[in-house]
């Protein structure tokens, strides 16, 4: 989160994160629906993957909200 200098447009970044959350859920359900399972190349389970994607989604939501309300992101994030 926030690791890159140019993160792009907040609305586009939010849309991308929404797609990643959807993809994580779809792949889990398509491949058996076991949230405790792990993909061969990943050390965390599918639920933890979803949780990380949700953190990213909320961060991008905070960026967009920050832009619209013209408040610093750190003031927005504390309200989650």
PDB file of N, CA and C in Angstrom:
ATOM      1  N   UNK A   1       0.823  -1.183   0.000  1.00  0.00           N
ATOM      2  CA  UNK A   1       0.000   0.000   0.000  1.00  0.00           C
ATOM      3  C   UNK A   1       0.867   1.246   0.000  1.00  0.00           C
ATOM      4  N   UNK A   2       0.652   2.078  -0.985  1.00  0.00           N
ATOM      5  CA  UNK A   2       1.358   3.329  -1.023  1.00  0.00           C
ATOM      6  C   UNK A   2       2.847   3.196  -1.262  1.00  0.00           C
ATOM      7  N   UNK A   3       3.301   2.067  -1.786  1.00  0.00           N
ATOM      8  CA  UNK A   3       4.724   1.829  -1.969  1.00  0.00           C
ATOM      9  C   UNK A   3       5.278   2.501  -3.216  1.00  0.00           C
ATOM     10  N   UNK A   4       4.430   2.956  -4.104  1.00  0.00           N
ATOM     11  CA  UNK A   4       4.881   3.526  -5.359  1.00  0.00           C
ATOM     12  C   UNK A   4       4.623   5.019  -5.385  1.00  0.00           C
ATOM     13  N   UNK A   5       5.588   5.765  -5.952  1.00  0.00           N
ATOM     14  CA  UNK A   5       5.473   7.220  -6.008  1.00  0.00           C
ATOM     15  C   UNK A   5       4.253   7.649  -6.818  1.00  0.00           C
ATOM     16  N   UNK A   6       4.085   7.077  -7.999  1.00  0.00           N
ATOM     17  CA  UNK A   6       2.958   7.425  -8.851  1.00  0.00           C
ATOM     18  C   UNK A   6       1.966   6.270  -8.850  1.00  0.00           C
ATOM     19  N   UNK A   7       0.923   6.405  -8.076  1.00  0.00           N
ATOM     20  CA  UNK A   7      -0.069   5.337  -7.947  1.00  0.00           C
ATOM     21  C   UNK A   7      -1.203   5.468  -8.947  1.00  0.00           C
ATOM     22  N   UNK A   8      -1.164   6.510  -9.772  1.00  0.00           N
ATOM     23  CA  UNK A   8      -2.201   6.685 -10.773  1.00  0.00           C
ATOM     24  C   UNK A   8      -3.478   7.264 -10.197  1.00  0.00           C
ATOM     25  N   UNK A   9      -4.473   7.338 -11.043  1.00  0.00           N
ATOM     26  CA  UNK A   9      -5.764   7.896 -10.660  1.00  0.00           C
ATOM     27  C   UNK A   9      -6.427   7.022  -9.599  1.00  0.00           C
ATOM     28  N   UNK A  10      -6.874   7.613  -8.494  1.00  0.00           N
ATOM     29  CA  UNK A  10      -7.485   6.823  -7.423  1.00  0.00           C
ATOM     30  C   UNK A  10      -8.717   6.028  -7.856  1.00  0.00           C
ATOM     31  N   UNK A  11      -9.547   6.598  -8.721  1.00  0.00           N
ATOM     32  CA  UNK A  11     -10.753   5.883  -9.164  1.00  0.00           C
ATOM     33  C   UNK A  11     -10.384   4.660  -9.998  1.00  0.00           C
ATOM     34  N   UNK A  12      -9.393   4.805 -10.872  1.00  0.00           N
ATOM     35  CA  UNK A  12      -8.951   3.654 -11.670  1.00  0.00           C
ATOM     36  C   UNK A  12      -8.296   2.594 -10.791  1.00  0.00           C
ATOM     37  N   UNK A  13      -7.500   3.042  -9.824  1.00  0.00           N
ATOM     38  CA  UNK A  13      -6.859   2.098  -8.909  1.00  0.00           C
ATOM     39  C   UNK A  13      -7.909   1.357  -8.082  1.00  0.00           C
ATOM     40  N   UNK A  14      -8.955   2.059  -7.669  1.00  0.00           N
ATOM     41  CA  UNK A  14     -10.040   1.423  -6.915  1.00  0.00           C
ATOM     42  C   UNK A  14     -10.747   0.382  -7.771  1.00  0.00           C
ATOM     43  N   UNK A  15     -11.025   0.724  -9.021  1.00  0.00           N
ATOM     44  CA  UNK A  15     -11.675  -0.229  -9.929  1.00  0.00           C
ATOM     45  C   UNK A  15     -10.811  -1.473 -10.111  1.00  0.00           C
ATOM     46  N   UNK A  16      -9.501  -1.278 -10.241  1.00  0.00           N
ATOM     47  CA  UNK A  16      -8.595  -2.417 -10.393  1.00  0.00           C
ATOM     48  C   UNK A  16      -8.619  -3.304  -9.151  1.00  0.00           C
ATOM     49  N   UNK A  17      -8.618  -2.696  -7.981  1.00  0.00           N
ATOM     50  CA  UNK A  17      -8.663  -3.482  -6.742  1.00  0.00           C
ATOM     51  C   UNK A  17      -9.986  -4.223  -6.604  1.00  0.00           C
ATOM     52  N   UNK A  18     -11.084  -3.606  -7.026  1.00  0.00           N
ATOM     53  CA  UNK A  18     -12.376  -4.306  -7.016  1.00  0.00           C
ATOM     54  C   UNK A  18     -12.301  -5.554  -7.882  1.00  0.00           C
ATOM     55  N   UNK A  19     -11.685  -5.418  -9.046  1.00  0.00           N
ATOM     56  CA  UNK A  19     -11.535  -6.560  -9.951  1.00  0.00           C
ATOM     57  C   UNK A  19     -10.679  -7.653  -9.317  1.00  0.00           C
ATOM     58  N   UNK A  20      -9.641  -7.269  -8.581  1.00  0.00           N
ATOM     59  CA  UNK A  20      -8.780  -8.259  -7.936  1.00  0.00           C
ATOM     60  C   UNK A  20      -9.513  -8.996  -6.815  1.00  0.00           C
ATOM     61  N   UNK A  21     -10.366  -8.299  -6.081  1.00  0.00           N
ATOM     62  CA  UNK A  21     -11.181  -8.950  -5.050  1.00  0.00           C
ATOM     63  C   UNK A  21     -12.131  -9.946  -5.705  1.00  0.00           C
ATOM     64  N   UNK A  22     -12.791  -9.525  -6.774  1.00  0.00           N
ATOM     65  CA  UNK A  22     -13.703 -10.413  -7.506  1.00  0.00           C
ATOM     66  C   UNK A  22     -12.957 -11.631  -8.028  1.00  0.00           C
ATOM     67  N   UNK A  23     -11.785 -11.417  -8.591  1.00  0.00           N
ATOM     68  CA  UNK A  23     -10.996 -12.524  -9.132  1.00  0.00           C
ATOM     69  C   UNK A  23     -10.606 -13.511  -8.030  1.00  0.00           C
ATOM     70  N   UNK A  24     -10.211 -13.005  -6.886  1.00  0.00           N
ATOM     71  CA  UNK A  24      -9.821 -13.866  -5.766  1.00  0.00           C
ATOM     72  C   UNK A  24     -10.996 -14.738  -5.320  1.00  0.00           C
ATOM     73  N   UNK A  25     -12.163 -14.152  -5.198  1.00  0.00           N
ATOM     74  CA  UNK A  25     -13.357 -14.906  -4.800  1.00  0.00           C
ATOM     75  C   UNK A  25     -13.732 -15.923  -5.868  1.00  0.00           C
ATOM     76  N   UNK A  26     -13.761 -15.496  -7.125  1.00  0.00           N
ATOM     77  CA  UNK A  26     -14.130 -16.400  -8.219  1.00  0.00           C
ATOM     78  C   UNK A  26     -13.189 -17.587  -8.329  1.00  0.00           C
ATOM     79  N   UNK A  27     -11.888 -17.340  -8.226  1.00  0.00           N
ATOM     80  CA  UNK A  27     -10.932 -18.444  -8.340  1.00  0.00           C
ATOM     81  C   UNK A  27     -11.069 -19.416  -7.173  1.00  0.00           C
ATOM     82  N   UNK A  28     -11.303 -18.893  -5.991  1.00  0.00           N
ATOM     83  CA  UNK A  28     -11.480 -19.776  -4.838  1.00  0.00           C
ATOM     84  C   UNK A  28     -12.696 -20.669  -5.029  1.00  0.00           C
ATOM     85  N   UNK A  29     -13.807 -20.084  -5.427  1.00  0.00           N
ATOM     86  CA  UNK A  29     -15.028 -20.869  -5.611  1.00  0.00           C
ATOM     87  C   UNK A  29     -14.926 -21.804  -6.811  1.00  0.00           C
ATOM     88  N   UNK A  30     -14.266 -21.360  -7.858  1.00  0.00           N
ATOM     89  CA  UNK A  30     -14.128 -22.195  -9.056  1.00  0.00           C
ATOM     90  C   UNK A  30     -13.235 -23.409  -8.798  1.00  0.00           C
ATOM     91  N   UNK A  31     -12.233 -23.250  -7.952  1.00  0.00           N
ATOM     92  CA  UNK A  31     -11.302 -24.345  -7.697  1.00  0.00           C
ATOM     93  C   UNK A  31     -11.554 -25.040  -6.370  1.00  0.00           C
ATOM     94  N   UNK A  32     -12.806 -25.171  -5.974  1.00  0.00           N
ATOM     95  CA  UNK A  32     -13.132 -25.986  -4.816  1.00  0.00           C
ATOM     96  C   UNK A  32     -13.734 -25.254  -3.641  1.00  0.00           C
ATOM     97  N   UNK A  33     -13.589 -23.953  -3.577  1.00  0.00           N
ATOM     98  CA  UNK A  33     -14.222 -23.185  -2.523  1.00  0.00           C
ATOM     99  C   UNK A  33     -13.632 -23.348  -1.142  1.00  0.00           C
ATOM    100  N   UNK A  34     -12.411 -23.835  -1.045  1.00  0.00           N
ATOM    101  CA  UNK A  34     -11.773 -24.031   0.255  1.00  0.00           C
ATOM    102  C   UNK A  34     -10.901 -22.819   0.586  1.00  0.00           C
ATOM    103  N   UNK A  35     -11.359 -22.008   1.514  1.00  0.00           N
ATOM    104  CA  UNK A  35     -10.635 -20.793   1.875  1.00  0.00           C
ATOM    105  C   UNK A  35      -9.337 -21.088   2.624  1.00  0.00           C
ATOM    106  N   UNK A  36      -9.206 -22.294   3.165  1.00  0.00           N
ATOM    107  CA  UNK A  36      -7.982 -22.658   3.883  1.00  0.00           C
ATOM    108  C   UNK A  36      -6.878 -23.166   2.961  1.00  0.00           C
ATOM    109  N   UNK A  37      -7.211 -23.459   1.713  1.00  0.00           N
ATOM    110  CA  UNK A  37      -6.204 -24.005   0.797  1.00  0.00           C
ATOM    111  C   UNK A  37      -5.229 -22.920   0.345  1.00  0.00           C
ATOM    112  N   UNK A  38      -4.066 -23.379  -0.101  1.00  0.00           N
ATOM    113  CA  UNK A  38      -3.029 -22.471  -0.594  1.00  0.00           C
ATOM    114  C   UNK A  38      -2.704 -22.819  -2.034  1.00  0.00           C
ATOM    115  N   UNK A  39      -2.447 -21.792  -2.818  1.00  0.00           N
ATOM    116  CA  UNK A  39      -1.954 -22.029  -4.170  1.00  0.00           C
ATOM    117  C   UNK A  39      -0.511 -22.512  -4.051  1.00  0.00           C
ATOM    118  N   UNK A  40      -0.038 -23.313  -4.994  1.00  0.00           N
ATOM    119  CA  UNK A  40       1.317 -23.873  -4.893  1.00  0.00           C
ATOM    120  C   UNK A  40       2.424 -22.822  -4.776  1.00  0.00           C
ATOM    121  N   UNK A  41       2.239 -21.675  -5.391  1.00  0.00           N
ATOM    122  CA  UNK A  41       3.285 -20.651  -5.421  1.00  0.00           C
ATOM    123  C   UNK A  41       3.132 -19.570  -4.350  1.00  0.00           C
ATOM    124  N   UNK A  42       2.188 -19.752  -3.420  1.00  0.00           N
ATOM    125  CA  UNK A  42       1.902 -18.721  -2.417  1.00  0.00           C
ATOM    126  C   UNK A  42       1.940 -19.342  -1.023  1.00  0.00           C
ATOM    127  N   UNK A  43       2.483 -18.600  -0.053  1.00  0.00           N
ATOM    128  CA  UNK A  43       2.634 -19.153   1.298  1.00  0.00           C
ATOM    129  C   UNK A  43       1.435 -18.888   2.210  1.00  0.00           C
ATOM    130  N   UNK A  44       0.470 -18.096   1.752  1.00  0.00           N
ATOM    131  CA  UNK A  44      -0.709 -17.813   2.571  1.00  0.00           C
ATOM    132  C   UNK A  44      -1.940 -18.476   1.959  1.00  0.00           C
ATOM    133  N   UNK A  45      -2.965 -18.702   2.795  1.00  0.00           N
ATOM    134  CA  UNK A  45      -4.165 -19.355   2.264  1.00  0.00           C
ATOM    135  C   UNK A  45      -5.032 -18.354   1.492  1.00  0.00           C
ATOM    136  N   UNK A  46      -6.046 -18.887   0.848  1.00  0.00           N
ATOM    137  CA  UNK A  46      -6.880 -18.052  -0.028  1.00  0.00           C
ATOM    138  C   UNK A  46      -7.649 -16.976   0.740  1.00  0.00           C
ATOM    139  N   UNK A  47      -8.030 -17.271   1.971  1.00  0.00           N
ATOM    140  CA  UNK A  47      -8.717 -16.253   2.763  1.00  0.00           C
ATOM    141  C   UNK A  47      -7.770 -15.107   3.090  1.00  0.00           C
ATOM    142  N   UNK A  48      -6.538 -15.434   3.418  1.00  0.00           N
ATOM    143  CA  UNK A  48      -5.544 -14.395   3.697  1.00  0.00           C
ATOM    144  C   UNK A  48      -5.233 -13.579   2.441  1.00  0.00           C
ATOM    145  N   UNK A  49      -5.233 -14.240   1.285  1.00  0.00           N
ATOM    146  CA  UNK A  49      -5.066 -13.513   0.023  1.00  0.00           C
ATOM    147  C   UNK A  49      -6.205 -12.516  -0.168  1.00  0.00           C
ATOM    148  N   UNK A  50      -7.425 -12.965   0.093  1.00  0.00           N
ATOM    149  CA  UNK A  50      -8.584 -12.080  -0.030  1.00  0.00           C
ATOM    150  C   UNK A  50      -8.467 -10.913   0.944  1.00  0.00           C
ATOM    151  N   UNK A  51      -8.036 -11.203   2.148  1.00  0.00           N
ATOM    152  CA  UNK A  51      -7.877 -10.148   3.149  1.00  0.00           C
ATOM    153  C   UNK A  51      -6.882  -9.088   2.678  1.00  0.00           C
ATOM    154  N   UNK A  52      -5.770  -9.509   2.096  1.00  0.00           N
ATOM    155  CA  UNK A  52      -4.790  -8.554   1.574  1.00  0.00           C
ATOM    156  C   UNK A  52      -5.375  -7.712   0.446  1.00  0.00           C
ATOM    157  N   UNK A  53      -6.142  -8.357  -0.421  1.00  0.00           N
ATOM    158  CA  UNK A  53      -6.794  -7.611  -1.507  1.00  0.00           C
ATOM    159  C   UNK A  53      -7.794  -6.601  -0.947  1.00  0.00           C
ATOM    160  N   UNK A  54      -8.479  -6.966   0.120  1.00  0.00           N
ATOM    161  CA  UNK A  54      -9.429  -6.039   0.737  1.00  0.00           C
ATOM    162  C   UNK A  54      -8.706  -4.838   1.353  1.00  0.00           C
ATOM    163  N   UNK A  55      -7.548  -5.070   1.972  1.00  0.00           N
ATOM    164  CA  UNK A  55      -6.762  -3.950   2.492  1.00  0.00           C
ATOM    165  C   UNK A  55      -6.402  -2.996   1.353  1.00  0.00           C
ATOM    166  N   UNK A  56      -5.958  -3.568   0.231  1.00  0.00           N
ATOM    167  CA  UNK A  56      -5.612  -2.743  -0.928  1.00  0.00           C
ATOM    168  C   UNK A  56      -6.825  -1.975  -1.436  1.00  0.00           C
ATOM    169  N   UNK A  57      -7.978  -2.650  -1.466  1.00  0.00           N
ATOM    170  CA  UNK A  57      -9.206  -2.001  -1.917  1.00  0.00           C
ATOM    171  C   UNK A  57      -9.558  -0.826  -1.006  1.00  0.00           C
ATOM    172  N   UNK A  58      -9.507  -1.019   0.296  1.00  0.00           N
ATOM    173  CA  UNK A  58      -9.842   0.060   1.229  1.00  0.00           C
ATOM    174  C   UNK A  58      -8.841   1.213   1.148  1.00  0.00           C
ATOM    175  N   UNK A  59      -7.579   0.883   0.886  1.00  0.00           N
ATOM    176  CA  UNK A  59      -6.578   1.942   0.721  1.00  0.00           C
ATOM    177  C   UNK A  59      -6.912   2.801  -0.497  1.00  0.00           C
ATOM    178  N   UNK A  60      -7.261   2.158  -1.603  1.00  0.00           N
ATOM    179  CA  UNK A  60      -7.599   2.919  -2.809  1.00  0.00           C
ATOM    180  C   UNK A  60      -8.896   3.704  -2.610  1.00  0.00           C
ATOM    181  N   UNK A  61      -9.829   3.157  -1.859  1.00  0.00           N
ATOM    182  CA  UNK A  61     -11.051   3.893  -1.510  1.00  0.00           C
ATOM    183  C   UNK A  61     -10.672   5.149  -0.721  1.00  0.00           C
ATOM    184  N   UNK A  62      -9.757   5.007   0.230  1.00  0.00           N
ATOM    185  CA  UNK A  62      -9.312   6.152   1.029  1.00  0.00           C
ATOM    186  C   UNK A  62      -8.627   7.193   0.147  1.00  0.00           C
ATOM    187  N   UNK A  63      -7.845   6.754  -0.829  1.00  0.00           N
ATOM    188  CA  UNK A  63      -7.205   7.698  -1.754  1.00  0.00           C
ATOM    189  C   UNK A  63      -8.243   8.484  -2.541  1.00  0.00           C
ATOM    190  N   UNK A  64      -9.262   7.797  -3.051  1.00  0.00           N
ATOM    191  CA  UNK A  64     -10.307   8.476  -3.813  1.00  0.00           C
ATOM    192  C   UNK A  64     -11.079   9.446  -2.911  1.00  0.00           C
ATOM    193  N   UNK A  65     -11.426   8.977  -1.730  1.00  0.00           N
ATOM    194  CA  UNK A  65     -12.157   9.821  -0.783  1.00  0.00           C
ATOM    195  C   UNK A  65     -11.313  11.040  -0.403  1.00  0.00           C
ATOM    196  N   UNK A  66     -10.021  10.839  -0.232  1.00  0.00           N
ATOM    197  CA  UNK A  66      -9.100  11.924   0.076  1.00  0.00           C
ATOM    198  C   UNK A  66      -9.088  12.964  -1.037  1.00  0.00           C
ATOM    199  N   UNK A  67      -9.078  12.483  -2.262  1.00  0.00           N
ATOM    200  CA  UNK A  67      -9.082  13.392  -3.409  1.00  0.00           C
ATOM    201  C   UNK A  67     -10.393  14.187  -3.470  1.00  0.00           C
ATOM    202  N   UNK A  68     -11.506  13.507  -3.291  1.00  0.00           N
ATOM    203  CA  UNK A  68     -12.818  14.159  -3.388  1.00  0.00           C
ATOM    204  C   UNK A  68     -13.028  15.151  -2.240  1.00  0.00           C
ATOM    205  N   UNK A  69     -12.683  14.740  -1.023  1.00  0.00           N
ATOM    206  CA  UNK A  69     -12.897  15.589   0.153  1.00  0.00           C
ATOM    207  C   UNK A  69     -11.752  16.564   0.405  1.00  0.00           C
ATOM    208  N   UNK A  70     -10.670  16.396  -0.345  1.00  0.00           N
ATOM    209  CA  UNK A  70      -9.468  17.219  -0.207  1.00  0.00           C
ATOM    210  C   UNK A  70      -8.926  17.194   1.222  1.00  0.00           C
ATOM    211  N   UNK A  71      -8.804  15.966   1.732  1.00  0.00           N
ATOM    212  CA  UNK A  71      -8.209  15.729   3.043  1.00  0.00           C
ATOM    213  C   UNK A  71      -7.061  14.747   2.860  1.00  0.00           C
ATOM    214  N   UNK A  72      -6.059  14.779   3.743  1.00  0.00           N
ATOM    215  CA  UNK A  72      -4.957  13.817   3.641  1.00  0.00           C
ATOM    216  C   UNK A  72      -5.453  12.377   3.813  1.00  0.00           C
ATOM    217  N   UNK A  73      -4.813  11.461   3.101  1.00  0.00           N
ATOM    218  CA  UNK A  73      -5.205  10.046   3.158  1.00  0.00           C
ATOM    219  C   UNK A  73      -5.155   9.523   4.585  1.00  0.00           C
ATOM    220  N   UNK A  74      -4.135   9.912   5.352  1.00  0.00           N
ATOM    221  CA  UNK A  74      -4.019   9.388   6.718  1.00  0.00           C
ATOM    222  C   UNK A  74      -5.192   9.810   7.601  1.00  0.00           C
ATOM    223  N   UNK A  75      -5.851  10.919   7.297  1.00  0.00           N
ATOM    224  CA  UNK A  75      -7.041  11.336   8.054  1.00  0.00           C
ATOM    225  C   UNK A  75      -8.260  10.508   7.655  1.00  0.00           C
ATOM    226  N   UNK A  76      -8.259   9.985   6.447  1.00  0.00           N
ATOM    227  CA  UNK A  76      -9.367   9.169   5.941  1.00  0.00           C
ATOM    228  C   UNK A  76      -9.248   7.735   6.451  1.00  0.00           C
ATOM    229  N   UNK A  77      -8.046   7.174   6.406  1.00  0.00           N
ATOM    230  CA  UNK A  77      -7.826   5.767   6.750  1.00  0.00           C
ATOM    231  C   UNK A  77      -8.189   5.478   8.204  1.00  0.00           C
ATOM    232  N   UNK A  78      -7.977   6.411   9.102  1.00  0.00           N
ATOM    233  CA  UNK A  78      -8.257   6.167  10.520  1.00  0.00           C
ATOM    234  C   UNK A  78      -9.737   5.942  10.798  1.00  0.00           C
ATOM    235  N   UNK A  79     -10.601   6.226   9.829  1.00  0.00           N
ATOM    236  CA  UNK A  79     -12.041   6.054  10.037  1.00  0.00           C
ATOM    237  C   UNK A  79     -12.527   4.657   9.692  1.00  0.00           C
ATOM    238  N   UNK A  80     -11.657   3.748   9.253  1.00  0.00           N
ATOM    239  CA  UNK A  80     -12.082   2.385   8.918  1.00  0.00           C
ATOM    240  C   UNK A  80     -12.273   1.588  10.176  1.00  0.00           C
TER     241      UNK A  80
END
